[in-house]
Protein backbone atom coordinates (compact mmCIF):
# COMPACT_ATOMS: atom_id res chain seq x y z
CA MET A 1 10.40 -6.27 -39.65
CA SER A 2 7.72 -4.08 -37.64
CA ASN A 3 7.23 -4.22 -33.97
CA LYS A 4 3.43 -2.97 -33.90
CA LYS A 5 1.95 -5.05 -31.59
CA VAL A 6 -1.12 -7.27 -32.76
CA THR A 7 -4.54 -6.89 -31.81
CA ILE A 8 -7.38 -9.05 -31.59
CA ARG A 9 -8.61 -6.71 -34.79
CA ASP A 10 -5.91 -7.99 -36.94
CA VAL A 11 -6.84 -11.59 -35.86
CA ALA A 12 -10.24 -11.30 -36.97
CA ALA A 13 -9.22 -9.47 -40.38
CA ARG A 14 -7.02 -12.34 -41.04
CA ALA A 15 -9.26 -15.33 -40.31
CA GLY A 16 -12.03 -13.45 -41.66
CA VAL A 17 -14.68 -13.31 -38.53
CA SER A 18 -16.03 -10.39 -36.19
CA ARG A 19 -13.53 -9.54 -33.51
CA ALA A 20 -16.72 -10.93 -31.43
CA THR A 21 -15.94 -14.46 -32.76
CA VAL A 22 -12.22 -14.44 -31.65
CA SER A 23 -13.07 -13.03 -28.12
CA ARG A 24 -15.56 -16.26 -27.74
CA VAL A 25 -12.54 -17.99 -28.97
CA LEU A 26 -10.07 -16.61 -26.25
CA ASN A 27 -12.38 -16.96 -24.07
CA ASP A 28 -13.26 -20.27 -24.44
CA PHE A 29 -17.25 -19.49 -24.72
CA PRO A 30 -19.25 -22.73 -26.08
CA GLY A 31 -21.36 -22.40 -29.16
CA VAL A 32 -18.32 -21.43 -31.70
CA LYS A 33 -17.97 -23.84 -34.55
CA PRO A 34 -15.48 -25.73 -34.95
CA ALA A 35 -14.43 -24.43 -38.07
CA LEU A 36 -14.24 -21.11 -37.31
CA ARG A 37 -12.77 -21.82 -34.01
CA GLU A 38 -9.95 -23.51 -35.86
CA ARG A 39 -9.47 -20.75 -38.33
CA VAL A 40 -8.88 -17.88 -35.42
CA ASN A 41 -6.53 -20.06 -33.85
CA GLN A 42 -4.54 -20.59 -37.29
CA ALA A 43 -4.81 -17.00 -37.58
CA MET A 44 -3.19 -16.29 -34.23
CA ASP A 45 -0.40 -18.30 -34.80
CA GLU A 46 0.38 -16.92 -38.91
CA LEU A 47 0.46 -13.49 -36.30
CA GLY A 48 1.95 -14.46 -33.69
CA PHE A 49 -1.00 -13.24 -31.66
CA ALA A 50 -0.40 -13.35 -27.34
CA PRO A 51 -3.48 -12.59 -25.79
CA ASN A 52 -3.77 -10.57 -22.59
CA TYR A 53 -4.39 -13.21 -20.22
CA PHE A 54 -4.87 -10.30 -17.47
CA SER A 55 -7.91 -8.98 -19.66
CA GLN A 56 -9.20 -12.65 -20.16
CA ALA A 57 -9.44 -12.93 -16.31
CA LEU A 58 -11.07 -9.93 -15.98
CA ALA A 59 -14.03 -10.98 -18.04
CA LYS A 60 -14.03 -14.80 -16.94
CA GLY A 61 -13.72 -13.36 -13.43
CA ARG A 62 -10.95 -15.51 -13.18
CA SER A 63 -7.38 -15.50 -13.16
CA ASN A 64 -6.50 -19.24 -12.77
CA SER A 65 -3.55 -18.10 -10.75
CA ILE A 66 -3.15 -18.93 -6.84
CA GLY A 67 -0.84 -16.44 -4.92
CA LEU A 68 1.71 -18.14 -2.33
CA MET A 69 3.43 -15.82 -0.29
CA VAL A 70 6.22 -17.49 2.08
CA ARG A 71 8.64 -15.86 4.52
CA SER A 72 11.74 -16.88 2.16
CA LEU A 73 12.28 -18.01 -1.06
CA GLY A 74 15.55 -20.27 0.57
CA GLY A 75 15.77 -23.60 2.55
CA TYR A 76 14.35 -26.72 2.91
CA PHE A 77 10.57 -25.52 4.13
CA PHE A 78 9.44 -23.26 2.21
CA GLY A 79 11.34 -24.36 -0.76
CA SER A 80 9.99 -27.51 -0.02
CA ILE A 81 6.82 -26.09 0.04
CA MET A 82 7.10 -24.04 -3.17
CA VAL A 83 7.93 -26.99 -5.31
CA GLU A 84 4.59 -28.68 -3.87
CA VAL A 85 2.43 -26.14 -4.55
CA GLU A 86 3.45 -25.22 -7.86
CA GLU A 87 2.94 -29.58 -9.01
CA VAL A 88 -0.27 -29.39 -7.35
CA LEU A 89 -1.50 -26.14 -9.18
CA THR A 90 -0.03 -27.23 -12.54
CA LYS A 91 -1.46 -30.55 -12.26
CA LYS A 92 -4.85 -28.80 -12.62
CA GLY A 93 -4.25 -26.07 -15.02
CA PHE A 94 -3.45 -23.26 -12.39
CA HIS A 95 -0.60 -21.33 -12.17
CA CYS A 96 1.65 -20.31 -8.67
CA MET A 97 2.48 -16.31 -8.55
CA VAL A 98 5.30 -16.60 -5.78
CA CYS A 99 5.81 -13.66 -3.33
CA SER A 100 8.77 -13.28 -0.38
CA GLY A 101 7.31 -11.50 2.65
CA SER A 102 10.83 -11.52 4.86
CA GLY A 103 9.10 -11.56 7.96
CA LYS A 104 8.73 -7.90 7.83
CA TYR A 105 4.79 -6.27 7.78
CA GLU A 106 5.81 -3.85 4.99
CA ALA A 107 6.52 -6.79 2.71
CA GLU A 108 3.83 -9.07 3.73
CA ARG A 109 1.48 -6.34 3.00
CA ALA A 110 3.00 -5.23 -0.30
CA ALA A 111 2.90 -8.77 -1.45
CA VAL A 112 -0.65 -9.39 -0.54
CA ASP A 113 -1.39 -5.96 -2.41
CA PHE A 114 0.31 -6.98 -5.43
CA MET A 115 -1.04 -10.33 -5.88
CA LEU A 116 -4.34 -8.76 -5.02
CA SER A 117 -3.79 -6.23 -7.60
CA ARG A 118 -3.17 -9.28 -10.20
CA GLN A 119 -6.24 -10.74 -9.56
CA VAL A 120 -5.64 -14.63 -8.18
CA ASP A 121 -8.36 -16.72 -7.25
CA ALA A 122 -6.97 -17.09 -3.90
CA MET A 123 -3.65 -16.86 -1.82
CA ILE A 124 -1.69 -19.02 0.32
CA LEU A 125 0.14 -17.13 2.91
CA SER A 126 2.77 -17.86 5.74
CA THR A 127 2.63 -14.92 7.27
CA ASP A 128 4.16 -13.69 11.00
CA CYS A 129 3.13 -10.12 10.48
CA LEU A 130 -0.44 -9.75 9.63
CA SER A 131 -2.70 -9.45 12.08
CA ASP A 132 -6.03 -12.04 12.52
CA GLU A 133 -8.54 -9.15 11.62
CA GLU A 134 -6.46 -8.14 8.72
CA LEU A 135 -6.80 -11.57 7.28
CA ILE A 136 -10.17 -12.34 8.09
CA LYS A 137 -10.98 -8.76 6.40
CA ILE A 138 -9.06 -10.44 3.11
CA ASN A 139 -10.92 -13.72 3.24
CA GLN A 140 -14.05 -11.49 3.28
CA SER A 141 -12.79 -9.44 0.28
CA GLY A 142 -13.70 -11.90 -2.00
CA THR A 143 -10.16 -13.57 -2.27
CA PRO A 144 -10.09 -16.64 -0.11
CA VAL A 145 -7.14 -17.14 2.13
CA VAL A 146 -5.23 -20.55 3.42
CA LEU A 147 -2.66 -20.21 6.28
CA ILE A 148 -0.41 -22.46 7.09
CA SER A 149 1.02 -22.36 10.29
CA ARG A 150 -1.74 -20.02 11.75
CA ASP A 151 -5.22 -20.71 13.80
CA ILE A 152 -7.70 -18.35 13.30
CA GLU A 153 -11.18 -19.14 14.63
CA GLU A 154 -12.83 -17.81 12.32
CA ILE A 155 -11.54 -19.35 9.51
CA ARG A 156 -10.13 -22.56 11.41
CA ASP A 157 -11.15 -24.62 8.21
CA GLN A 158 -8.39 -23.25 5.89
CA CYS A 159 -5.28 -22.82 8.32
CA ILE A 160 -3.22 -25.60 7.85
CA ARG A 161 -1.68 -26.24 11.54
CA PHE A 162 1.38 -28.16 13.02
CA ASP A 163 1.52 -28.22 16.61
CA ASP A 164 5.52 -26.68 17.34
CA ALA A 165 5.01 -25.77 20.84
CA THR A 166 4.57 -30.04 21.39
CA GLY A 167 7.34 -30.28 18.82
CA GLY A 168 9.38 -28.34 21.15
CA TYR A 169 8.54 -30.09 24.41
CA ASN A 170 9.12 -33.57 22.71
CA ALA A 171 12.23 -32.49 21.44
CA THR A 172 13.70 -31.37 24.54
CA GLN A 173 11.57 -34.72 26.37
CA HIS A 174 13.87 -36.72 24.47
CA LEU A 175 16.76 -35.01 25.23
CA ILE A 176 15.73 -35.54 29.44
CA GLU A 177 15.05 -38.71 28.78
CA ASN A 178 18.50 -39.36 27.71
CA GLY A 179 19.35 -38.04 30.86
CA HIS A 180 20.26 -34.67 30.27
CA ARG A 181 19.50 -31.72 32.06
CA ASP A 182 22.19 -28.90 31.09
CA ILE A 183 20.02 -28.70 27.94
CA ALA A 184 20.71 -25.00 25.70
CA THR A 185 18.62 -24.08 23.15
CA VAL A 186 18.80 -22.08 19.70
CA THR A 187 15.61 -20.63 18.83
CA GLY A 188 14.63 -18.83 15.43
CA PRO A 189 13.97 -14.96 15.86
CA MET A 190 11.02 -14.05 18.41
CA THR A 191 9.08 -12.49 15.76
CA ASN A 192 8.08 -15.79 14.64
CA ARG A 193 4.99 -17.42 15.73
CA ASP A 194 7.08 -21.03 14.63
CA ALA A 195 10.12 -20.42 17.24
CA ARG A 196 7.94 -18.61 19.68
CA SER A 197 5.97 -21.70 19.76
CA ARG A 198 9.06 -24.41 19.99
CA LEU A 199 10.19 -22.02 23.04
CA GLN A 200 7.28 -22.51 24.92
CA GLY A 201 7.46 -26.39 24.64
CA TYR A 202 10.75 -26.21 25.92
CA ARG A 203 9.74 -24.31 28.91
CA LYS A 204 7.34 -26.67 29.30
CA ALA A 205 9.29 -29.74 29.25
CA LEU A 206 11.81 -28.01 31.39
CA GLU A 207 9.22 -27.21 34.00
CA ASP A 208 7.25 -30.76 33.84
CA ASN A 209 10.85 -32.39 34.76
CA ASP A 210 11.75 -30.08 37.55
CA ILE A 211 14.55 -28.49 35.82
CA PRO A 212 15.45 -24.92 35.99
CA TYR A 213 14.91 -22.31 33.16
CA ARG A 214 18.34 -20.65 32.39
CA PRO A 215 17.89 -17.84 30.48
CA GLU A 216 21.77 -17.96 29.69
CA LEU A 217 21.35 -21.23 27.58
CA VAL A 218 18.71 -19.67 25.47
CA LEU A 219 19.94 -18.06 21.96
CA GLU A 220 18.09 -15.49 19.83
CA SER A 221 19.11 -16.22 16.05
CA ASN A 222 17.32 -16.79 12.44
CA PHE A 223 16.84 -20.42 11.29
CA GLN A 224 20.02 -20.48 8.74
CA VAL A 225 23.29 -22.44 8.67
CA PRO A 226 25.04 -18.88 9.74
CA GLY A 227 22.64 -18.39 12.60
CA GLY A 228 22.91 -21.66 14.33
CA LYS A 229 27.00 -21.32 13.85
CA GLN A 230 27.42 -17.89 15.69
CA ALA A 231 24.94 -18.91 18.32
CA THR A 232 26.69 -21.48 19.50
CA GLU A 233 29.78 -19.82 18.79
CA LYS A 234 28.50 -17.32 21.70
CA LEU A 235 27.23 -20.16 23.75
CA LEU A 236 30.49 -21.81 23.98
CA ALA A 237 32.36 -18.40 24.41
CA ALA A 238 29.66 -17.66 27.42
CA GLY A 239 31.49 -20.78 28.80
CA HIS A 240 27.90 -21.87 30.33
CA LYS A 241 27.41 -25.25 31.04
CA PHE A 242 25.54 -27.91 28.55
CA SER A 243 25.34 -31.02 27.54
CA ALA A 244 22.97 -30.69 24.82
CA VAL A 245 20.90 -28.67 22.29
CA PHE A 246 17.96 -27.89 20.99
CA TYR A 247 18.15 -25.98 17.88
CA GLY A 248 14.87 -24.15 16.14
CA SER A 249 15.73 -25.60 12.99
CA ASP A 250 18.17 -28.58 11.21
CA GLU A 251 19.55 -25.68 9.47
CA MET A 252 20.78 -24.19 12.67
CA ALA A 253 21.47 -27.29 13.71
CA ILE A 254 23.82 -27.94 10.90
CA GLY A 255 25.65 -24.66 11.35
CA GLY A 256 25.73 -25.40 15.46
CA VAL A 257 27.62 -28.68 14.59
CA GLN A 258 30.35 -26.82 12.52
CA ALA A 259 30.83 -24.60 15.28
CA LEU A 260 30.80 -26.92 18.25
CA ASN A 261 33.18 -29.39 16.00
CA GLN A 262 35.60 -26.22 15.37
CA ALA A 263 35.48 -25.72 19.30
CA GLY A 264 37.06 -29.39 19.56
CA LEU A 265 33.63 -30.90 21.06
CA SER A 266 31.99 -34.13 19.42
CA VAL A 267 28.69 -34.41 18.77
CA PRO A 268 27.38 -36.79 20.44
CA ASP A 269 29.77 -37.96 22.75
CA ASP A 270 30.34 -34.10 24.37
CA VAL A 271 27.50 -32.56 23.19
CA SER A 272 24.01 -33.89 21.93
CA VAL A 273 21.79 -31.90 19.21
CA ILE A 274 18.57 -32.24 18.21
CA GLY A 275 17.02 -29.92 15.32
CA PHE A 276 13.42 -29.02 14.22
CA GLU A 277 11.95 -29.82 10.48
CA ASP A 278 13.57 -33.21 9.63
CA VAL A 279 15.47 -32.00 6.00
CA PRO A 280 16.47 -34.76 4.06
CA LEU A 281 20.19 -34.20 4.33
CA ASN A 282 20.18 -35.35 8.20
CA GLU A 283 20.26 -38.51 7.43
CA PHE A 284 23.47 -38.39 5.29
CA LEU A 285 25.01 -36.42 7.86
CA LYS A 286 28.07 -37.54 10.08
CA PRO A 287 26.71 -38.18 12.57
CA GLN A 288 22.93 -38.57 11.56
CA MET A 289 20.88 -35.51 13.10
CA SER A 290 18.36 -36.56 15.33
CA SER A 291 15.38 -34.16 14.84
CA MET A 292 11.44 -33.66 15.04
CA ARG A 293 9.78 -34.13 11.24
CA ILE A 294 7.22 -32.01 9.70
CA PRO A 295 5.77 -33.38 6.82
CA VAL A 296 6.40 -30.48 4.58
CA SER A 297 5.20 -31.88 1.11
CA ASP A 298 2.00 -32.74 2.72
CA ILE A 299 1.51 -28.94 3.96
CA GLY A 300 2.09 -27.56 0.49
CA HIS A 301 -0.13 -30.58 -0.91
CA LEU A 302 -2.68 -29.44 1.48
CA ALA A 303 -2.50 -25.73 0.88
CA ALA A 304 -2.40 -26.11 -2.45
CA MET A 305 -5.99 -28.81 -2.72
CA ARG A 306 -7.74 -26.10 -0.25
CA ALA A 307 -6.69 -23.21 -1.83
CA LEU A 308 -8.38 -24.73 -5.13
CA SER A 309 -11.52 -26.25 -3.09
CA LEU A 310 -12.00 -22.85 -2.21
CA VAL A 311 -11.82 -21.31 -5.57
CA ASP A 312 -14.12 -23.75 -6.52
CA GLN A 313 -16.45 -23.36 -3.51
CA GLU A 314 -16.62 -27.15 -2.91
CA PRO A 315 -17.37 -27.97 0.61
CA LEU A 316 -14.67 -27.66 3.05
CA ASP A 317 -13.35 -30.53 4.93
CA SER A 318 -12.03 -29.44 8.30
CA ALA A 319 -8.89 -31.99 8.66
CA LEU A 320 -5.78 -29.87 8.37
CA GLU A 321 -3.58 -30.41 11.14
CA VAL A 322 -0.33 -32.12 10.55
CA GLN A 323 2.38 -34.12 13.16
CA VAL A 324 5.30 -33.35 13.97
CA GLU A 325 6.99 -36.66 14.49
CA LEU A 326 10.22 -37.04 16.41
CA MET A 327 13.36 -38.79 14.27
CA GLU A 328 15.67 -40.22 16.69
CA ARG A 329 19.32 -40.57 14.72
CA GLU A 330 22.87 -40.72 16.14
CA SER A 331 23.05 -37.05 17.17
CA VAL A 332 21.61 -37.80 20.64
CA ILE A 333 23.29 -39.93 23.33
CA ALA A 334 22.41 -40.96 26.95
CA THR A 335 24.57 -39.22 29.32
């Protein structure tokens, strides 16, 4: 069997038409007679012809693909966004190209450059490291961007915002209203904007309630289960007094509860715990986990629809802010 690649010339010869006609069929140009279109499609099937979609994209000026860069390919938050974006785009006849930025500048820049080289029609970006100026320049270059958890004044109607600082404030305030004053927090990495904003909210709630800020009760980690567990073990080993912990993500909170239980402490009887994001697993934990709920599916849906609107150059609705909501469950009790 020959491994020779089938070309447009071969399809044209099999169908008895010109190469221009084959090209018009491939690019779905109007004006091709149905009988000719059928002959070309039959010839492509018989020969096993695989169209060069990249070349077609160049010819059309559109690739029908949207780039999506997330911080991580794992975890509930970005996993849910990827699922929702892909579902919306597929229904609209678009493909989704996913890259990870890993929270590092070089990786984010490489991911963006890769997607641009593949002629994506727009990009949805969750970026910690690219500057406002870089993102504005990319947007002005002809490939529009939609930003998740970022707010840039010049392209504000392309930014999907949720107020992490208010979420951190309300989580801490909920603990204070239940009588807690010795409140620890385990944050995400301080290179991350969300983590910094949640810590800002924590500090503001303490300040508003005349509770001294205690740096020894603040530990930096990552957003994953092992990170929460390790940070909580360090907190316990240090011997500082605390009756509650605000975790910057639910995954960290799950790891934190593991560490507390292994130390012989009960949640919430000995230590109250609240997380952030509200993963579906929270309702099935023992005890059920209190959390600040981010409507992640809404974020993915909004991002995909805004990207499609930008591709089609439709008028933009500026309402792109989603609300973070307190979900009260069993892991917080009054002292």
